[in-house]
Amino acid sequence: MDVSYISDVNGNQTAVIIEIDDWKNLLKKQNSMKNKLEMLTGLQKSVEEIKLLKKNKGKAKTLREFLDEN
């Protein structure tokens, strides 16, 4: 990946320029990582809910009960 930097008058780097194809690839990777994070977060919440149900001996809803609510 070719990178160019823009600097201010003091020589501090303030921006980066990359090729558009590299930028698009970075956006795709970011989106993929975001989707994975959302999926893993959902799984983690599900596991926590199951642990809580087991601890409190609560009754979990069946899929049919859940669907019938809506």
PDB file of N, CA and C in Angstrom:
ATOM      1  N   MET A   1       0.855  -1.170   0.000  1.00  0.00           N
ATOM      2  CA  MET A   1       0.000   0.000   0.000  1.00  0.00           C
ATOM      3  C   MET A   1       0.901   1.232   0.000  1.00  0.00           C
ATOM      4  N   ASP A   2       0.750   2.052  -1.015  1.00  0.00           N
ATOM      5  CA  ASP A   2       1.493   3.306  -1.076  1.00  0.00           C
ATOM      6  C   ASP A   2       0.764   4.351  -0.257  1.00  0.00           C
ATOM      7  N   VAL A   3       1.515   5.027   0.598  1.00  0.00           N
ATOM      8  CA  VAL A   3       0.931   6.030   1.480  1.00  0.00           C
ATOM      9  C   VAL A   3       1.696   7.330   1.326  1.00  0.00           C
ATOM     10  N   SER A   4       0.945   8.422   1.263  1.00  0.00           N
ATOM     11  CA  SER A   4       1.540   9.763   1.261  1.00  0.00           C
ATOM     12  C   SER A   4       0.973  10.522   2.448  1.00  0.00           C
ATOM     13  N   TYR A   5       1.803  11.363   3.035  1.00  0.00           N
ATOM     14  CA  TYR A   5       1.376  12.117   4.206  1.00  0.00           C
ATOM     15  C   TYR A   5       1.314  13.603   3.878  1.00  0.00           C
ATOM     16  N   ILE A   6       0.380  14.275   4.501  1.00  0.00           N
ATOM     17  CA  ILE A   6       0.288  15.728   4.416  1.00  0.00           C
ATOM     18  C   ILE A   6       0.700  16.261   5.778  1.00  0.00           C
ATOM     19  N   SER A   7       1.551  17.248   5.764  1.00  0.00           N
ATOM     20  CA  SER A   7       2.048  17.819   7.018  1.00  0.00           C
ATOM     21  C   SER A   7       1.672  19.286   7.116  1.00  0.00           C
ATOM     22  N   ASP A   8       1.551  19.758   8.354  1.00  0.00           N
ATOM     23  CA  ASP A   8       1.284  21.181   8.558  1.00  0.00           C
ATOM     24  C   ASP A   8       2.615  21.948   8.510  1.00  0.00           C
ATOM     25  N   VAL A   9       2.558  23.249   8.756  1.00  0.00           N
ATOM     26  CA  VAL A   9       3.752  24.093   8.642  1.00  0.00           C
ATOM     27  C   VAL A   9       4.823  23.719   9.663  1.00  0.00           C
ATOM     28  N   ASN A  10       4.430  23.033  10.744  1.00  0.00           N
ATOM     29  CA  ASN A  10       5.382  22.613  11.772  1.00  0.00           C
ATOM     30  C   ASN A  10       5.955  21.226  11.503  1.00  0.00           C
ATOM     31  N   GLY A  11       5.531  20.608  10.409  1.00  0.00           N
ATOM     32  CA  GLY A  11       6.025  19.285  10.075  1.00  0.00           C
ATOM     33  C   GLY A  11       5.240  18.141  10.701  1.00  0.00           C
ATOM     34  N   ASN A  12       4.143  18.457  11.399  1.00  0.00           N
ATOM     35  CA  ASN A  12       3.298  17.423  12.004  1.00  0.00           C
ATOM     36  C   ASN A  12       2.407  16.807  10.931  1.00  0.00           C
ATOM     37  N   GLN A  13       2.399  15.479  10.870  1.00  0.00           N
ATOM     38  CA  GLN A  13       1.546  14.807   9.896  1.00  0.00           C
ATOM     39  C   GLN A  13       0.079  15.000  10.297  1.00  0.00           C
ATOM     40  N   THR A  14      -0.722  15.462   9.340  1.00  0.00           N
ATOM     41  CA  THR A  14      -2.116  15.771   9.629  1.00  0.00           C
ATOM     42  C   THR A  14      -3.104  14.958   8.805  1.00  0.00           C
ATOM     43  N   ALA A  15      -2.623  14.299   7.748  1.00  0.00           N
ATOM     44  CA  ALA A  15      -3.515  13.525   6.889  1.00  0.00           C
ATOM     45  C   ALA A  15      -2.710  12.473   6.138  1.00  0.00           C
ATOM     46  N   VAL A  16      -3.443  11.490   5.632  1.00  0.00           N
ATOM     47  CA  VAL A  16      -2.834  10.405   4.868  1.00  0.00           C
ATOM     48  C   VAL A  16      -3.575  10.292   3.542  1.00  0.00           C
ATOM     49  N   ILE A  17      -2.845  10.049   2.490  1.00  0.00           N
ATOM     50  CA  ILE A  17      -3.438   9.824   1.181  1.00  0.00           C
ATOM     51  C   ILE A  17      -3.078   8.406   0.755  1.00  0.00           C
ATOM     52  N   ILE A  18      -4.109   7.622   0.398  1.00  0.00           N
ATOM     53  CA  ILE A  18      -3.885   6.276  -0.117  1.00  0.00           C
ATOM     54  C   ILE A  18      -4.691   6.113  -1.401  1.00  0.00           C
ATOM     55  N   GLU A  19      -4.336   5.106  -2.170  1.00  0.00           N
ATOM     56  CA  GLU A  19      -5.065   4.858  -3.412  1.00  0.00           C
ATOM     57  C   GLU A  19      -6.497   4.439  -3.096  1.00  0.00           C
ATOM     58  N   ILE A  20      -7.424   4.778  -3.988  1.00  0.00           N
ATOM     59  CA  ILE A  20      -8.843   4.512  -3.764  1.00  0.00           C
ATOM     60  C   ILE A  20      -9.128   3.013  -3.618  1.00  0.00           C
ATOM     61  N   ASP A  21      -8.418   2.176  -4.370  1.00  0.00           N
ATOM     62  CA  ASP A  21      -8.617   0.729  -4.246  1.00  0.00           C
ATOM     63  C   ASP A  21      -8.208   0.241  -2.858  1.00  0.00           C
ATOM     64  N   ASP A  22      -7.114   0.787  -2.337  1.00  0.00           N
ATOM     65  CA  ASP A  22      -6.697   0.441  -0.971  1.00  0.00           C
ATOM     66  C   ASP A  22      -7.755   0.894   0.040  1.00  0.00           C
ATOM     67  N   TRP A  23      -8.295   2.085  -0.180  1.00  0.00           N
ATOM     68  CA  TRP A  23      -9.324   2.617   0.713  1.00  0.00           C
ATOM     69  C   TRP A  23     -10.561   1.715   0.701  1.00  0.00           C
ATOM     70  N   LYS A  24     -10.977   1.305  -0.488  1.00  0.00           N
ATOM     71  CA  LYS A  24     -12.150   0.436  -0.599  1.00  0.00           C
ATOM     72  C   LYS A  24     -11.909  -0.896   0.097  1.00  0.00           C
ATOM     73  N   ASN A  25     -10.693  -1.440  -0.042  1.00  0.00           N
ATOM     74  CA  ASN A  25     -10.363  -2.691   0.643  1.00  0.00           C
ATOM     75  C   ASN A  25     -10.392  -2.524   2.161  1.00  0.00           C
ATOM     76  N   LEU A  26      -9.883  -1.399   2.636  1.00  0.00           N
ATOM     77  CA  LEU A  26      -9.931  -1.129   4.076  1.00  0.00           C
ATOM     78  C   LEU A  26     -11.373  -1.031   4.573  1.00  0.00           C
ATOM     79  N   LEU A  27     -12.230  -0.388   3.801  1.00  0.00           N
ATOM     80  CA  LEU A  27     -13.634  -0.271   4.191  1.00  0.00           C
ATOM     81  C   LEU A  27     -14.312  -1.638   4.233  1.00  0.00           C
ATOM     82  N   LYS A  28     -13.998  -2.508   3.263  1.00  0.00           N
ATOM     83  CA  LYS A  28     -14.558  -3.861   3.255  1.00  0.00           C
ATOM     84  C   LYS A  28     -14.120  -4.636   4.491  1.00  0.00           C
ATOM     85  N   LYS A  29     -12.834  -4.543   4.818  1.00  0.00           N
ATOM     86  CA  LYS A  29     -12.319  -5.240   6.002  1.00  0.00           C
ATOM     87  C   LYS A  29     -12.958  -4.702   7.272  1.00  0.00           C
ATOM     88  N   GLN A  30     -13.131  -3.389   7.344  1.00  0.00           N
ATOM     89  CA  GLN A  30     -13.754  -2.777   8.509  1.00  0.00           C
ATOM     90  C   GLN A  30     -15.194  -3.269   8.654  1.00  0.00           C
ATOM     91  N   ASN A  31     -15.926  -3.327   7.556  1.00  0.00           N
ATOM     92  CA  ASN A  31     -17.311  -3.776   7.589  1.00  0.00           C
ATOM     93  C   ASN A  31     -17.390  -5.236   8.026  1.00  0.00           C
ATOM     94  N   SER A  32     -16.483  -6.045   7.521  1.00  0.00           N
ATOM     95  CA  SER A  32     -16.445  -7.457   7.894  1.00  0.00           C
ATOM     96  C   SER A  32     -16.159  -7.615   9.387  1.00  0.00           C
ATOM     97  N   MET A  33     -15.221  -6.853   9.880  1.00  0.00           N
ATOM     98  CA  MET A  33     -14.893  -6.915  11.305  1.00  0.00           C
ATOM     99  C   MET A  33     -16.060  -6.429  12.162  1.00  0.00           C
ATOM    100  N   LYS A  34     -16.752  -5.411  11.700  1.00  0.00           N
ATOM    101  CA  LYS A  34     -17.916  -4.898  12.426  1.00  0.00           C
ATOM    102  C   LYS A  34     -19.012  -5.961  12.502  1.00  0.00           C
ATOM    103  N   ASN A  35     -19.254  -6.653  11.388  1.00  0.00           N
ATOM    104  CA  ASN A  35     -20.259  -7.713  11.377  1.00  0.00           C
ATOM    105  C   ASN A  35     -19.884  -8.852  12.314  1.00  0.00           C
ATOM    106  N   LYS A  36     -18.611  -9.237  12.325  1.00  0.00           N
ATOM    107  CA  LYS A  36     -18.156 -10.290  13.223  1.00  0.00           C
ATOM    108  C   LYS A  36     -18.330  -9.868  14.684  1.00  0.00           C
ATOM    109  N   LEU A  37     -17.997  -8.627  14.975  1.00  0.00           N
ATOM    110  CA  LEU A  37     -18.135  -8.118  16.337  1.00  0.00           C
ATOM    111  C   LEU A  37     -19.597  -8.143  16.775  1.00  0.00           C
ATOM    112  N   GLU A  38     -20.506  -7.719  15.905  1.00  0.00           N
ATOM    113  CA  GLU A  38     -21.934  -7.739  16.235  1.00  0.00           C
ATOM    114  C   GLU A  38     -22.414  -9.160  16.490  1.00  0.00           C
ATOM    115  N   MET A  39     -21.963 -10.116  15.663  1.00  0.00           N
ATOM    116  CA  MET A  39     -22.362 -11.505  15.840  1.00  0.00           C
ATOM    117  C   MET A  39     -21.828 -12.056  17.159  1.00  0.00           C
ATOM    118  N   LEU A  40     -20.554 -11.803  17.447  1.00  0.00           N
ATOM    119  CA  LEU A  40     -19.965 -12.311  18.678  1.00  0.00           C
ATOM    120  C   LEU A  40     -20.584 -11.663  19.909  1.00  0.00           C
ATOM    121  N   THR A  41     -20.918 -10.391  19.812  1.00  0.00           N
ATOM    122  CA  THR A  41     -21.572  -9.703  20.922  1.00  0.00           C
ATOM    123  C   THR A  41     -22.944 -10.313  21.172  1.00  0.00           C
ATOM    124  N   GLY A  42     -23.678 -10.618  20.106  1.00  0.00           N
ATOM    125  CA  GLY A  42     -24.982 -11.265  20.249  1.00  0.00           C
ATOM    126  C   GLY A  42     -24.862 -12.634  20.884  1.00  0.00           C
ATOM    127  N   LEU A  43     -23.865 -13.402  20.472  1.00  0.00           N
ATOM    128  CA  LEU A  43     -23.641 -14.715  21.073  1.00  0.00           C
ATOM    129  C   LEU A  43     -23.293 -14.595  22.551  1.00  0.00           C
ATOM    130  N   GLN A  44     -22.465 -13.619  22.878  1.00  0.00           N
ATOM    131  CA  GLN A  44     -22.073 -13.414  24.264  1.00  0.00           C
ATOM    132  C   GLN A  44     -23.295 -13.066  25.117  1.00  0.00           C
ATOM    133  N   LYS A  45     -24.159 -12.205  24.615  1.00  0.00           N
ATOM    134  CA  LYS A  45     -25.376 -11.850  25.355  1.00  0.00           C
ATOM    135  C   LYS A  45     -26.277 -13.063  25.535  1.00  0.00           C
ATOM    136  N   SER A  46     -26.348 -13.900  24.504  1.00  0.00           N
ATOM    137  CA  SER A  46     -27.169 -15.109  24.590  1.00  0.00           C
ATOM    138  C   SER A  46     -26.648 -16.049  25.664  1.00  0.00           C
ATOM    139  N   VAL A  47     -25.342 -16.224  25.698  1.00  0.00           N
ATOM    140  CA  VAL A  47     -24.738 -17.094  26.716  1.00  0.00           C
ATOM    141  C   VAL A  47     -25.011 -16.528  28.113  1.00  0.00           C
ATOM    142  N   GLU A  48     -24.893 -15.231  28.275  1.00  0.00           N
ATOM    143  CA  GLU A  48     -25.159 -14.599  29.572  1.00  0.00           C
ATOM    144  C   GLU A  48     -26.617 -14.789  29.984  1.00  0.00           C
ATOM    145  N   GLU A  49     -27.534 -14.671  29.027  1.00  0.00           N
ATOM    146  CA  GLU A  49     -28.952 -14.877  29.332  1.00  0.00           C
ATOM    147  C   GLU A  49     -29.218 -16.316  29.751  1.00  0.00           C
ATOM    148  N   ILE A  50     -28.592 -17.273  29.088  1.00  0.00           N
ATOM    149  CA  ILE A  50     -28.775 -18.681  29.428  1.00  0.00           C
ATOM    150  C   ILE A  50     -28.226 -18.957  30.827  1.00  0.00           C
ATOM    151  N   LYS A  51     -27.065 -18.396  31.137  1.00  0.00           N
ATOM    152  CA  LYS A  51     -26.487 -18.572  32.474  1.00  0.00           C
ATOM    153  C   LYS A  51     -27.424 -18.003  33.534  1.00  0.00           C
ATOM    154  N   LEU A  52     -27.997 -16.848  33.262  1.00  0.00           N
ATOM    155  CA  LEU A  52     -28.922 -16.218  34.206  1.00  0.00           C
ATOM    156  C   LEU A  52     -30.178 -17.063  34.378  1.00  0.00           C
ATOM    157  N   LEU A  53     -30.703 -17.591  33.284  1.00  0.00           N
ATOM    158  CA  LEU A  53     -31.876 -18.456  33.373  1.00  0.00           C
ATOM    159  C   LEU A  53     -31.578 -19.700  34.203  1.00  0.00           C
ATOM    160  N   LYS A  54     -30.429 -20.301  33.993  1.00  0.00           N
ATOM    161  CA  LYS A  54     -30.051 -21.495  34.756  1.00  0.00           C
ATOM    162  C   LYS A  54     -29.876 -21.161  36.225  1.00  0.00           C
ATOM    163  N   LYS A  55     -29.251 -20.027  36.494  1.00  0.00           N
ATOM    164  CA  LYS A  55     -29.003 -19.619  37.875  1.00  0.00           C
ATOM    165  C   LYS A  55     -30.312 -19.370  38.613  1.00  0.00           C
ATOM    166  N   ASN A  56     -31.246 -18.703  37.963  1.00  0.00           N
ATOM    167  CA  ASN A  56     -32.523 -18.360  38.588  1.00  0.00           C
ATOM    168  C   ASN A  56     -33.593 -19.416  38.346  1.00  0.00           C
ATOM    169  N   LYS A  57     -33.195 -20.491  37.659  1.00  0.00           N
ATOM    170  CA  LYS A  57     -34.118 -21.576  37.318  1.00  0.00           C
ATOM    171  C   LYS A  57     -35.353 -21.029  36.594  1.00  0.00           C
ATOM    172  N   GLY A  58     -35.121 -20.063  35.754  1.00  0.00           N
ATOM    173  CA  GLY A  58     -36.196 -19.473  34.965  1.00  0.00           C
ATOM    174  C   GLY A  58     -36.562 -20.353  33.795  1.00  0.00           C
ATOM    175  N   LYS A  59     -37.729 -20.090  33.228  1.00  0.00           N
ATOM    176  CA  LYS A  59     -38.182 -20.871  32.092  1.00  0.00           C
ATOM    177  C   LYS A  59     -37.942 -20.057  30.820  1.00  0.00           C
ATOM    178  N   ALA A  60     -37.169 -20.608  29.933  1.00  0.00           N
ATOM    179  CA  ALA A  60     -36.905 -19.946  28.662  1.00  0.00           C
ATOM    180  C   ALA A  60     -38.089 -20.154  27.730  1.00  0.00           C
ATOM    181  N   LYS A  61     -38.315 -19.182  26.873  1.00  0.00           N
ATOM    182  CA  LYS A  61     -39.387 -19.297  25.894  1.00  0.00           C
ATOM    183  C   LYS A  61     -38.928 -20.189  24.744  1.00  0.00           C
ATOM    184  N   THR A  62     -39.855 -20.918  24.199  1.00  0.00           N
ATOM    185  CA  THR A  62     -39.562 -21.666  22.985  1.00  0.00           C
ATOM    186  C   THR A  62     -39.599 -20.693  21.816  1.00  0.00           C
ATOM    187  N   LEU A  63     -39.081 -21.115  20.698  1.00  0.00           N
ATOM    188  CA  LEU A  63     -39.115 -20.275  19.502  1.00  0.00           C
ATOM    189  C   LEU A  63     -40.556 -19.985  19.120  1.00  0.00           C
ATOM    190  N   ARG A  64     -41.422 -20.961  19.222  1.00  0.00           N
ATOM    191  CA  ARG A  64     -42.837 -20.776  18.888  1.00  0.00           C
ATOM    192  C   ARG A  64     -43.464 -19.715  19.793  1.00  0.00           C
ATOM    193  N   GLU A  65     -43.187 -19.766  21.107  1.00  0.00           N
ATOM    194  CA  GLU A  65     -43.730 -18.759  22.042  1.00  0.00           C
ATOM    195  C   GLU A  65     -43.235 -17.369  21.672  1.00  0.00           C
ATOM    196  N   PHE A  66     -41.955 -17.285  21.332  1.00  0.00           N
ATOM    197  CA  PHE A  66     -41.383 -16.004  20.956  1.00  0.00           C
ATOM    198  C   PHE A  66     -42.047 -15.454  19.697  1.00  0.00           C
ATOM    199  N   LEU A  67     -42.222 -16.304  18.698  1.00  0.00           N
ATOM    200  CA  LEU A  67     -42.819 -15.873  17.440  1.00  0.00           C
ATOM    201  C   LEU A  67     -44.287 -15.506  17.607  1.00  0.00           C
ATOM    202  N   ASP A  68     -44.990 -16.205  18.487  1.00  0.00           N
ATOM    203  CA  ASP A  68     -46.403 -15.917  18.716  1.00  0.00           C
ATOM    204  C   ASP A  68     -46.627 -14.586  19.414  1.00  0.00           C
ATOM    205  N   GLU A  69     -45.617 -14.068  20.095  1.00  0.00           N
ATOM    206  CA  GLU A  69     -45.743 -12.767  20.782  1.00  0.00           C
ATOM    207  C   GLU A  69     -45.921 -11.632  19.796  1.00  0.00           C
ATOM    208  N   ASN A  70     -45.299 -11.746  18.650  1.00  0.00           N
ATOM    209  CA  ASN A  70     -45.268 -10.625  17.698  1.00  0.00           C
ATOM    210  C   ASN A  70     -46.356 -10.701  16.719  1.00  0.00           C
TER     211      ASN A  70
END
